[in-house]
Amino acid sequence: MPGLYEEVVQRRLGCRTPARVAGMLARAAAGLGRAPADVRVLDAGAGNGVSGEALAAAGMRPVMGLDILPAARAAALRDRPGVYGDYLAADLCDLRAEDERAIRAAAPNALACIGSVGGDHMPPPAVASALALLAPQPLLAYAYDVERFEDPLRALPAVSGGRELARERALHRRTVTGGERFWEAVVVLLA
C-alpha cells in the first residue's frame, strides 16, 4: 500500500537509519576528497526506495536500486519515480548476465546496504557479488541490528581488507511496544 511503510516505520516509529547511513557515506566520501555528486551508488536491498531518497538528499547519485522482490521495484518506481537511474529486481546470488551488464554500465563506485544485511535479508555472498561489480576503490556503507547479529560483513575478504572510515551505533527506531532498537552503521573504503 502506498505510504504505509513510511507512515508506520519512518514516521510513527522514527526510523533514522537511512538518513544516518547516507550522511555517513557522504562525509566519508568528502573526507577522501570525493564530491557527493561523484558518488554513484548501487543501493542493494533498496526496497521501496526510502534509502535511495536518503542517498539523493545527501547529494549522492543512486544510479541503481536493486531488490530481490519485484514488488519492491514496483513500489519504488511508483512512490519515488526518478530517484534511481534504473532499478533491478534481481538475485545477487544468481545474477543474470543482462543484469550484471546493466550494473556495470551504471558504473557504481559505492554500495549501500541500508537495513538489508543480517538475518534472512541479503546474505554476505550477495554483498560480495555486488562488490565485484563496482568501480575500483569503491565505498561500502551498511547497517545492521547489533542486538541480533555480529557484524555480518566483517568476514568478507573485501571488507576485512578495506579501510574502515566510520562506525557508529545509534538508535535505529522505536518499537511498537515503546522500546528502542539500536543498529550499527559502517562505511569502508575497499582496496
Protein backbone atom coordinates (compact mmCIF):
# COMPACT_ATOMS: atom_id res chain seq x y z
CA MET A 1 0.00 0.00 0.00
CA PRO A 2 1.43 3.37 -0.98
CA GLY A 3 2.75 5.26 2.03
CA LEU A 4 2.11 2.51 4.61
CA TYR A 5 5.79 1.74 5.27
CA GLU A 6 6.63 5.42 5.57
CA GLU A 7 3.73 6.09 7.95
CA VAL A 8 4.50 3.18 10.26
CA VAL A 9 8.28 2.74 10.14
CA GLN A 10 9.53 6.20 9.24
CA ARG A 11 7.00 8.48 10.93
CA ARG A 12 5.44 6.60 13.86
CA LEU A 13 8.48 4.52 14.83
CA GLY A 14 11.00 7.21 13.86
CA CYS A 15 13.39 5.15 11.73
CA ARG A 16 16.59 7.15 11.33
CA THR A 17 18.96 4.67 9.71
CA PRO A 18 18.58 5.59 6.01
CA ALA A 19 19.39 9.27 6.61
CA ARG A 20 22.15 8.43 9.10
CA VAL A 21 23.92 5.96 6.79
CA ALA A 22 23.56 8.30 3.80
CA GLY A 23 25.12 11.13 5.83
CA MET A 24 27.97 8.91 6.99
CA LEU A 25 28.67 7.83 3.41
CA ALA A 26 28.63 11.42 2.14
CA ARG A 27 31.01 12.56 4.92
CA ALA A 28 33.37 9.63 4.31
CA ALA A 29 33.46 10.41 0.59
CA ALA A 30 34.15 14.08 1.31
CA GLY A 31 36.96 13.05 3.67
CA LEU A 32 38.55 11.24 0.72
CA GLY A 33 38.20 14.31 -1.48
CA ARG A 34 35.23 12.91 -3.40
CA ALA A 35 32.33 15.25 -4.01
CA PRO A 36 28.99 13.70 -3.02
CA ALA A 37 27.71 14.18 -6.58
CA ASP A 38 30.56 11.92 -7.78
CA VAL A 39 29.40 9.06 -5.53
CA ARG A 40 27.43 6.73 -7.79
CA VAL A 41 25.56 4.34 -5.51
CA LEU A 42 24.24 0.85 -6.12
CA ASP A 43 21.52 0.63 -3.46
CA ALA A 44 21.17 -3.11 -2.76
CA GLY A 45 18.14 -4.31 -0.85
CA ALA A 46 16.59 -0.99 -1.84
CA GLY A 47 13.01 -1.92 -1.05
CA ASN A 48 10.58 0.88 -1.80
CA GLY A 49 13.34 3.46 -2.25
CA VAL A 50 13.45 5.15 1.17
CA SER A 51 17.21 4.55 1.24
CA GLY A 52 17.69 5.88 -2.31
CA GLU A 53 15.78 9.00 -1.36
CA ALA A 54 18.11 9.49 1.65
CA LEU A 55 21.19 8.99 -0.54
CA ALA A 56 19.92 11.56 -3.04
CA ALA A 57 19.07 14.01 -0.23
CA ALA A 58 22.71 13.73 0.94
CA GLY A 59 23.83 14.81 -2.54
CA MET A 60 24.84 11.41 -3.92
CA ARG A 61 23.63 9.73 -7.10
CA PRO A 62 21.71 6.49 -6.54
CA VAL A 63 22.37 5.20 -10.05
CA MET A 64 20.67 1.88 -9.44
CA GLY A 65 18.30 0.32 -6.95
CA LEU A 66 18.23 -3.43 -6.60
CA ASP A 67 15.99 -5.77 -4.64
CA ILE A 68 15.18 -9.45 -4.97
CA LEU A 69 11.44 -8.69 -4.81
CA PRO A 70 9.66 -7.44 -7.95
CA ALA A 71 7.06 -5.81 -5.65
CA ALA A 72 9.82 -3.67 -4.10
CA ARG A 73 10.83 -2.45 -7.55
CA ALA A 74 7.21 -1.64 -8.40
CA ALA A 75 6.78 0.26 -5.11
CA ALA A 76 9.98 2.28 -5.62
CA LEU A 77 9.05 3.21 -9.17
CA ARG A 78 5.51 4.12 -8.06
CA ASP A 79 6.42 6.04 -4.88
CA ARG A 80 9.79 7.54 -5.83
CA PRO A 81 9.97 7.97 -9.58
CA GLY A 82 13.27 9.43 -10.72
CA VAL A 83 15.24 8.61 -7.55
CA TYR A 84 17.17 5.84 -9.31
CA GLY A 85 18.70 5.82 -12.77
CA ASP A 86 17.47 2.23 -13.01
CA TYR A 87 16.01 -0.37 -10.66
CA LEU A 88 16.50 -4.12 -11.00
CA ALA A 89 14.51 -6.94 -9.44
CA ALA A 90 17.34 -9.47 -9.24
CA ASP A 91 19.04 -12.03 -7.04
CA LEU A 92 22.70 -11.08 -6.48
CA CYS A 93 23.50 -14.73 -5.69
CA ASP A 94 22.12 -15.80 -9.09
CA LEU A 95 22.58 -12.73 -11.27
CA ARG A 96 21.58 -12.92 -14.91
CA ALA A 97 24.17 -11.77 -17.46
CA GLU A 98 21.99 -8.85 -18.61
CA ASP A 99 21.58 -7.62 -15.01
CA GLU A 100 25.34 -7.82 -14.46
CA ARG A 101 25.89 -5.80 -17.64
CA ALA A 102 23.33 -3.20 -16.51
CA ILE A 103 25.05 -2.78 -13.14
CA ARG A 104 28.49 -2.45 -14.72
CA ALA A 105 27.11 0.06 -17.26
CA ALA A 106 25.81 2.23 -14.40
CA ALA A 107 29.43 2.35 -13.13
CA PRO A 108 28.66 2.48 -9.39
CA ASN A 109 31.57 3.39 -7.14
CA ALA A 110 29.69 2.79 -3.90
CA LEU A 111 27.42 0.10 -2.50
CA ALA A 112 24.77 0.90 0.10
CA CYS A 113 23.10 -1.88 2.06
CA ILE A 114 20.91 0.12 4.41
CA GLY A 115 19.00 -2.27 6.61
CA SER A 116 19.35 -5.17 4.20
CA VAL A 117 22.13 -7.29 5.75
CA GLY A 118 21.80 -9.82 8.52
CA GLY A 119 19.27 -12.49 9.33
CA ASP A 120 17.08 -13.54 6.45
CA HIS A 121 17.86 -10.43 4.44
CA MET A 122 20.75 -10.10 1.97
CA PRO A 123 23.43 -12.71 2.79
CA PRO A 124 27.16 -11.88 2.71
CA PRO A 125 27.68 -13.78 -0.61
CA ALA A 126 25.15 -11.42 -2.25
CA VAL A 127 27.10 -8.42 -0.95
CA ALA A 128 30.35 -9.95 -2.25
CA SER A 129 28.72 -10.42 -5.65
CA ALA A 130 27.66 -6.77 -5.74
CA LEU A 131 31.10 -5.56 -4.64
CA ALA A 132 32.69 -7.42 -7.56
CA LEU A 133 30.68 -5.25 -9.97
CA LEU A 134 31.81 -1.87 -8.63
CA ALA A 135 34.42 0.55 -9.96
CA PRO A 136 37.91 0.37 -8.37
CA GLN A 137 38.32 1.56 -4.76
CA PRO A 138 34.61 1.69 -4.00
CA LEU A 139 32.92 2.68 -0.80
CA LEU A 140 30.63 0.32 1.10
CA ALA A 141 28.03 1.61 3.55
CA TYR A 142 25.84 -0.75 5.55
CA ALA A 143 23.87 -1.02 8.76
CA TYR A 144 22.85 -3.98 10.89
CA ASP A 145 20.98 -4.83 14.07
CA VAL A 146 23.64 -5.05 16.80
CA GLU A 147 21.21 -6.65 19.24
CA ARG A 148 20.75 -9.66 16.97
CA PHE A 149 23.98 -10.01 14.98
CA GLU A 150 27.74 -9.68 14.98
CA ASP A 151 28.91 -7.55 12.05
CA PRO A 152 27.61 -9.74 9.18
CA LEU A 153 30.08 -8.39 6.59
CA ARG A 154 33.31 -8.14 8.58
CA ALA A 155 34.41 -11.64 7.49
CA LEU A 156 34.16 -10.83 3.77
CA PRO A 157 37.72 -10.55 2.39
CA ALA A 158 36.91 -7.31 0.56
CA VAL A 159 35.60 -5.75 3.78
CA SER A 160 38.25 -7.08 6.17
CA GLY A 161 40.94 -5.94 3.71
CA GLY A 162 39.44 -2.46 3.38
CA ARG A 163 39.90 0.65 5.47
CA GLU A 164 37.09 1.41 7.88
CA LEU A 165 36.23 5.10 7.62
CA ALA A 166 33.31 5.29 10.03
CA ARG A 167 31.41 3.14 12.51
CA GLU A 168 28.55 4.46 14.59
CA ARG A 169 26.00 2.81 16.87
CA ALA A 170 22.76 4.76 17.21
CA LEU A 171 19.02 4.49 17.59
CA HIS A 172 17.54 2.76 14.55
CA ARG A 173 13.90 3.22 15.52
CA ARG A 174 11.40 2.81 18.32
CA THR A 175 9.44 -0.44 18.68
CA VAL A 176 5.66 -0.74 18.68
CA THR A 177 5.82 -1.55 22.42
CA GLY A 178 7.73 1.64 23.24
CA GLY A 179 11.24 0.21 23.32
CA GLU A 180 14.22 1.20 21.21
CA ARG A 181 16.32 -0.73 18.69
CA PHE A 182 19.95 0.17 18.08
CA TRP A 183 21.84 -0.53 14.89
CA GLU A 184 25.44 -0.02 13.90
CA ALA A 185 26.36 1.66 10.63
CA VAL A 186 29.72 1.19 8.91
CA VAL A 187 31.49 2.81 5.96
CA VAL A 188 34.50 1.07 4.43
CA LEU A 189 36.86 2.05 1.61
CA LEU A 190 37.67 -1.12 -0.28
CA ALA A 191 41.06 -1.73 -1.85
